[in-house]
N, C-alpha and C. Protein backbone atom coordinates (compact mmCIF):
# COMPACT_ATOMS: atom_id res chain seq x y z
N MET A 1 -14.17 9.17 -12.43
CA MET A 1 -14.67 8.38 -11.36
C MET A 1 -15.63 8.66 -9.87
N GLY A 2 -16.73 9.69 -10.95
CA GLY A 2 -18.03 10.87 -9.76
C GLY A 2 -18.36 10.08 -8.53
N GLU A 3 -18.96 8.91 -8.72
CA GLU A 3 -19.27 7.97 -7.66
C GLU A 3 -18.43 7.86 -6.58
N ARG A 4 -18.49 7.55 -5.64
CA ARG A 4 -18.10 6.98 -4.41
C ARG A 4 -18.27 5.06 -4.49
N ARG A 5 -16.85 4.46 -4.40
CA ARG A 5 -17.05 2.95 -4.06
C ARG A 5 -16.30 2.45 -3.73
N HIS A 6 -16.87 1.86 -2.85
CA HIS A 6 -15.25 1.10 -1.97
C HIS A 6 -14.64 0.93 -2.17
N THR A 7 -13.92 0.63 -1.73
CA THR A 7 -11.94 0.50 -2.03
C THR A 7 -11.22 0.26 -1.06
N ILE A 8 -10.42 -0.98 -0.81
CA ILE A 8 -9.36 -1.63 0.24
C ILE A 8 -8.48 -1.79 -0.75
N LEU A 9 -7.82 -1.44 0.08
CA LEU A 9 -6.41 -0.83 -0.48
C LEU A 9 -5.73 -2.45 -0.09
N LEU A 10 -4.63 -2.58 0.23
CA LEU A 10 -3.25 -3.90 0.56
C LEU A 10 -2.80 -3.84 -0.29
N VAL A 11 -1.71 -4.22 1.31
CA VAL A 11 -0.24 -3.89 1.14
C VAL A 11 0.50 -5.03 2.01
N GLN A 12 1.48 -4.74 1.59
CA GLN A 12 2.61 -6.03 1.93
C GLN A 12 4.29 -4.82 1.93
N PHE A 13 4.60 -5.42 2.92
CA PHE A 13 5.29 -3.80 2.39
C PHE A 13 7.04 -4.76 2.86
N ASP A 14 6.45 -5.81 3.22
CA ASP A 14 8.05 -6.57 3.05
C ASP A 14 7.71 -8.46 2.23
N ASP A 15 9.20 -9.09 3.38
CA ASP A 15 8.43 -11.14 2.41
C ASP A 15 7.64 -11.50 3.66
N SER A 16 7.83 -10.57 4.27
CA SER A 16 7.66 -11.69 5.80
C SER A 16 5.84 -10.89 6.36
N LYS A 17 4.73 -12.47 6.81
CA LYS A 17 3.96 -12.59 6.75
C LYS A 17 3.15 -11.36 7.86
N ASP A 18 3.73 -11.05 8.73
CA ASP A 18 3.97 -9.53 9.66
C ASP A 18 3.34 -8.81 8.94
N ALA A 19 4.04 -8.74 7.74
CA ALA A 19 3.96 -6.87 6.95
C ALA A 19 3.03 -6.81 5.94
N LYS A 20 2.45 -8.15 5.72
CA LYS A 20 0.68 -7.66 5.03
C LYS A 20 -0.59 -6.91 5.99
N THR A 21 -0.77 -6.20 4.98
CA THR A 21 -2.05 -5.13 6.29
C THR A 21 -3.45 -4.83 4.62
N TYR A 22 -3.88 -4.56 5.30
CA TYR A 22 -4.91 -3.98 4.43
C TYR A 22 -6.01 -2.66 4.75
N MET A 23 -6.27 -1.65 3.74
CA MET A 23 -7.06 -0.45 4.92
C MET A 23 -8.52 -0.30 3.45
N ASP A 24 -8.98 -0.43 4.64
CA ASP A 24 -11.04 0.47 3.79
C ASP A 24 -10.60 1.59 3.66
N TYR A 25 -11.19 1.68 2.39
CA TYR A 25 -11.71 3.25 2.82
C TYR A 25 -13.36 3.55 1.78
N PRO A 26 -13.92 4.30 2.34
CA PRO A 26 -16.05 4.80 1.00
C PRO A 26 -14.94 5.16 0.29
N GLY A 27 -13.82 5.07 -0.69
CA GLY A 27 -13.57 5.90 -2.13
C GLY A 27 -12.31 5.78 -2.56
N VAL A 28 -12.40 6.22 -4.41
CA VAL A 28 -11.00 5.72 -4.21
C VAL A 28 -10.28 6.99 -4.07
N ARG A 29 -11.18 8.16 -4.18
CA ARG A 29 -10.26 9.68 -3.14
C ARG A 29 -9.57 9.58 -2.00
N GLU A 30 -10.56 8.16 -0.99
CA GLU A 30 -10.45 8.59 0.17
C GLU A 30 -8.95 7.43 0.07
N ALA A 31 -8.62 6.21 -0.70
CA ALA A 31 -8.05 5.24 -0.74
C ALA A 31 -6.81 6.45 -1.16
N MET A 32 -6.32 7.06 -2.28
CA MET A 32 -4.74 7.39 -2.86
C MET A 32 -4.31 8.26 -1.66
N ASP A 33 -5.72 8.47 -0.76
CA ASP A 33 -5.28 9.55 0.09
C ASP A 33 -4.10 9.18 0.77
N GLY A 34 -4.81 7.37 0.90
CA GLY A 34 -4.60 6.14 2.59
C GLY A 34 -2.96 6.34 1.62
N VAL A 35 -2.71 5.89 0.75
CA VAL A 35 -1.25 5.92 -0.39
C VAL A 35 -0.72 6.62 0.10
N CYS A 36 -1.01 7.68 -0.15
CA CYS A 36 0.14 9.51 -0.16
C CYS A 36 0.16 9.91 1.90
N GLN A 37 -0.62 9.14 2.50
CA GLN A 37 -0.05 9.23 3.72
C GLN A 37 0.66 7.78 4.44
N LEU A 38 0.84 6.61 3.96
CA LEU A 38 2.03 5.38 4.25
C LEU A 38 3.43 6.10 4.03
N TYR A 39 2.85 6.66 2.55
CA TYR A 39 4.35 7.44 2.31
C TYR A 39 4.84 8.51 3.53
N GLU A 40 4.14 9.10 3.57
CA GLU A 40 3.93 10.14 4.95
C GLU A 40 4.89 9.53 5.87
N GLN A 41 4.48 8.65 6.61
CA GLN A 41 4.80 8.22 7.87
C GLN A 41 6.24 7.38 7.59
N SER A 42 6.22 6.73 5.99
CA SER A 42 7.82 6.53 6.08
C SER A 42 8.97 7.48 6.08
N LEU A 43 8.05 8.04 5.73
CA LEU A 43 9.15 9.10 5.24
C LEU A 43 9.76 9.94 6.63
N LYS A 44 8.72 10.59 7.53
CA LYS A 44 8.16 10.59 9.40
C LYS A 44 9.35 8.99 9.98
N ALA A 45 9.45 8.22 9.97
CA ALA A 45 9.42 7.06 10.70
C ALA A 45 11.55 7.33 9.68
N MET A 46 11.21 7.18 8.56
CA MET A 46 13.05 7.52 8.13
C MET A 46 13.27 8.37 8.75
N ASN A 47 12.77 9.66 8.84
CA ASN A 47 13.28 10.78 10.04
C ASN A 47 13.35 11.65 10.78
N PRO A 48 12.94 10.99 11.49
CA PRO A 48 11.89 11.10 13.14
C PRO A 48 12.28 12.62 13.41
N GLY A 49 13.29 13.80 13.17
CA GLY A 49 13.59 14.75 13.58
C GLY A 49 13.11 15.46 12.71
N LEU A 50 12.95 15.68 11.55
CA LEU A 50 11.97 16.99 10.67
C LEU A 50 10.86 17.71 11.44
N ARG A 51 10.25 18.34 10.91
CA ARG A 51 8.85 19.22 11.50
C ARG A 51 7.97 18.72 10.58
N SER A 52 8.68 19.47 8.70
CA SER A 52 7.80 18.76 7.71
C SER A 52 8.32 18.36 6.71
N THR A 53 7.46 17.60 6.14
CA THR A 53 8.57 17.16 5.02
C THR A 53 8.02 17.20 3.33
N THR A 54 8.55 17.57 2.81
CA THR A 54 8.09 17.48 0.96
C THR A 54 8.12 17.22 0.58
N TYR A 55 7.14 16.89 -0.89
CA TYR A 55 8.08 15.70 -1.75
C TYR A 55 7.49 15.94 -3.19
N ASP A 56 7.98 14.95 -4.35
CA ASP A 56 6.93 15.14 -5.42
C ASP A 56 6.52 13.83 -6.20
N VAL A 57 5.83 13.61 -6.81
CA VAL A 57 5.28 13.33 -7.13
C VAL A 57 5.87 11.60 -7.75
N ASN A 58 7.02 11.52 -9.02
CA ASN A 58 7.88 10.75 -8.77
C ASN A 58 8.76 9.70 -7.37
N ASP A 59 8.63 10.89 -6.37
CA ASP A 59 9.27 10.39 -4.79
C ASP A 59 8.36 9.28 -4.64
N LEU A 60 6.84 9.73 -4.26
CA LEU A 60 5.97 8.74 -4.67
C LEU A 60 5.52 7.58 -5.39
N PHE A 61 6.12 7.38 -6.51
CA PHE A 61 5.83 6.80 -6.39
C PHE A 61 7.11 6.34 -7.19
N SER A 62 8.15 6.92 -6.32
CA SER A 62 9.14 5.09 -5.66
C SER A 62 8.73 4.47 -4.78
N PHE A 63 8.31 5.35 -4.00
CA PHE A 63 8.17 4.69 -3.02
C PHE A 63 6.02 3.01 -3.48
N VAL A 64 6.27 3.71 -4.09
CA VAL A 64 5.05 2.73 -4.93
C VAL A 64 5.61 1.50 -4.91
N ASP A 65 6.50 1.75 -5.43
CA ASP A 65 7.46 0.52 -6.46
C ASP A 65 8.07 -0.08 -5.39
N ALA A 66 8.59 0.05 -4.52
CA ALA A 66 9.25 0.12 -3.57
C ALA A 66 9.41 -0.87 -2.54
N VAL A 67 7.46 -1.30 -2.49
CA VAL A 67 6.53 -1.29 -1.27
C VAL A 67 6.18 -2.99 -2.48
N LYS A 68 7.33 -3.79 -1.42
CA LYS A 68 6.47 -5.66 -1.53
C LYS A 68 5.38 -5.56 -2.61
N ASP A 69 4.45 -5.71 -2.13
CA ASP A 69 3.10 -6.01 -2.60
C ASP A 69 2.38 -4.12 -3.07
N LEU A 70 1.38 -3.68 -3.16
CA LEU A 70 0.05 -2.68 -3.43
C LEU A 70 -0.67 -3.14 -4.55
N SER A 71 -1.65 -3.10 -5.29
CA SER A 71 -2.75 -3.24 -4.65
C SER A 71 -4.57 -2.80 -4.13
N CYS A 72 -4.96 -2.39 -5.25
CA CYS A 72 -6.88 -2.13 -4.78
C CYS A 72 -7.68 -2.56 -5.27
N LEU A 73 -8.99 -3.01 -4.55
CA LEU A 73 -9.26 -4.22 -5.13
C LEU A 73 -11.29 -3.55 -5.04
N VAL A 74 -11.59 -2.51 -5.83
CA VAL A 74 -12.99 -1.21 -6.06
C VAL A 74 -14.13 -1.97 -6.30
N PHE A 75 -14.97 -1.95 -5.35
CA PHE A 75 -15.97 -2.09 -5.48
C PHE A 75 -16.81 -1.59 -6.77
N ASN A 76 -17.32 -2.70 -7.86
CA ASN A 76 -18.23 -2.23 -9.29
C ASN A 76 -20.14 -3.11 -8.74
N PRO A 77 -20.44 -1.83 -8.25
CA PRO A 77 -21.99 -2.07 -8.53
C PRO A 77 -22.79 -3.13 -9.57
N ARG A 78 -22.26 -2.43 -10.38
CA ARG A 78 -22.35 -3.52 -11.95
C ARG A 78 -22.80 -4.91 -11.49
N SER A 79 -21.25 -5.13 -11.18
CA SER A 79 -20.64 -6.30 -11.30
C SER A 79 -20.46 -7.30 -9.51
N ASN A 80 -21.17 -6.43 -9.23
CA ASN A 80 -21.26 -6.55 -7.30
C ASN A 80 -20.43 -7.96 -7.27
N ALA A 81 -18.96 -6.93 -7.14
CA ALA A 81 -17.80 -7.94 -6.48
C ALA A 81 -17.10 -6.91 -6.94
N TYR A 82 -15.60 -7.17 -6.51
CA TYR A 82 -14.18 -6.69 -6.52
C TYR A 82 -13.60 -5.94 -8.19
N VAL A 83 -13.52 -5.48 -8.32
CA VAL A 83 -12.28 -5.03 -9.62
C VAL A 83 -10.76 -4.67 -9.41
N PRO A 84 -10.04 -5.84 -9.30
CA PRO A 84 -8.50 -6.15 -8.35
C PRO A 84 -8.17 -4.41 -9.18
N HIS A 85 -6.57 -4.40 -8.52
CA HIS A 85 -6.01 -2.45 -9.43
C HIS A 85 -4.67 -3.21 -9.26
N ASN A 86 -3.45 -2.94 -9.91
CA ASN A 86 -1.98 -2.56 -10.07
C ASN A 86 -1.37 -1.18 -9.38
N LYS A 87 0.13 -2.17 -9.13
CA LYS A 87 0.17 -0.27 -8.95
C LYS A 87 0.62 0.71 -9.61
N ASP A 88 0.68 -0.06 -11.48
CA ASP A 88 0.36 1.02 -12.90
C ASP A 88 -1.13 1.69 -11.85
N TRP A 89 -2.13 1.33 -11.71
CA TRP A 89 -2.98 1.70 -11.89
C TRP A 89 -3.25 2.95 -10.68
N ILE A 90 -2.34 2.52 -9.62
CA ILE A 90 -2.65 2.96 -8.50
C ILE A 90 -1.83 4.50 -8.72
N LYS A 91 -1.09 4.20 -9.15
CA LYS A 91 -0.04 5.97 -9.49
C LYS A 91 -0.46 6.20 -11.02
N VAL A 92 -1.86 6.35 -11.60
CA VAL A 92 -1.95 7.11 -11.76
C VAL A 92 -3.01 7.50 -10.79
N GLU A 93 -3.86 7.06 -11.28
CA GLU A 93 -4.58 7.50 -9.73
C GLU A 93 -4.48 8.46 -8.76
N VAL A 94 -3.44 8.25 -8.41
CA VAL A 94 -2.58 9.04 -7.34
C VAL A 94 -2.17 10.26 -8.02
N PHE A 95 -1.48 10.48 -9.11
CA PHE A 95 -1.77 11.83 -10.22
C PHE A 95 -3.00 12.31 -9.99
N ASN A 96 -3.65 11.64 -10.46
CA ASN A 96 -5.52 12.68 -11.00
C ASN A 96 -5.73 12.96 -9.45
N HIS A 97 -5.45 12.41 -7.99
CA HIS A 97 -6.13 12.33 -7.09
C HIS A 97 -5.26 13.89 -6.37
N LEU A 98 -3.80 14.01 -7.12
CA LEU A 98 -3.11 15.01 -6.70
C LEU A 98 -3.45 16.03 -6.82
N LYS A 99 -3.25 15.94 -8.43
CA LYS A 99 -3.47 16.70 -10.10
C LYS A 99 -4.78 18.13 -9.39
N SER A 100 -5.89 16.95 -8.72
CA SER A 100 -7.26 17.74 -8.93
C SER A 100 -7.27 17.80 -7.48
N GLN A 101 -6.28 18.10 -6.80
CA GLN A 101 -6.00 19.03 -5.95
C GLN A 101 -5.41 20.00 -5.26
N VAL A 102 -4.32 20.29 -6.68
CA VAL A 102 -4.04 21.67 -6.99
C VAL A 102 -4.64 22.82 -7.01
N LYS A 103 -6.31 21.41 -7.87
CA LYS A 103 -6.84 22.74 -8.98
C LYS A 103 -7.80 23.45 -8.54
N SER A 104 -7.98 22.83 -6.72
CA SER A 104 -9.06 23.41 -6.41
C SER A 104 -8.55 24.43 -5.29
């Protein structure tokens, strides 16, 4: 995905209505950073005394799977509409994003 396409990350942490939220980003890459930040925030909340956290991609994937609902809407300029994507797509995109960060 070379071009930046507005992306909305939809999240529902549990069954309560208050657990629903969304975040919007200028592109898919930033949205995948947002997924990583959600996980890092949950790690900090569970371990408030830790100064730093480390995790591997499998830990991140487990978090994605454990969230009640997580999906993305990515704007497609050709159709002038948002295309929905599920957790499996998000995991692939997060993995590719993290891999590209290691290369740079």
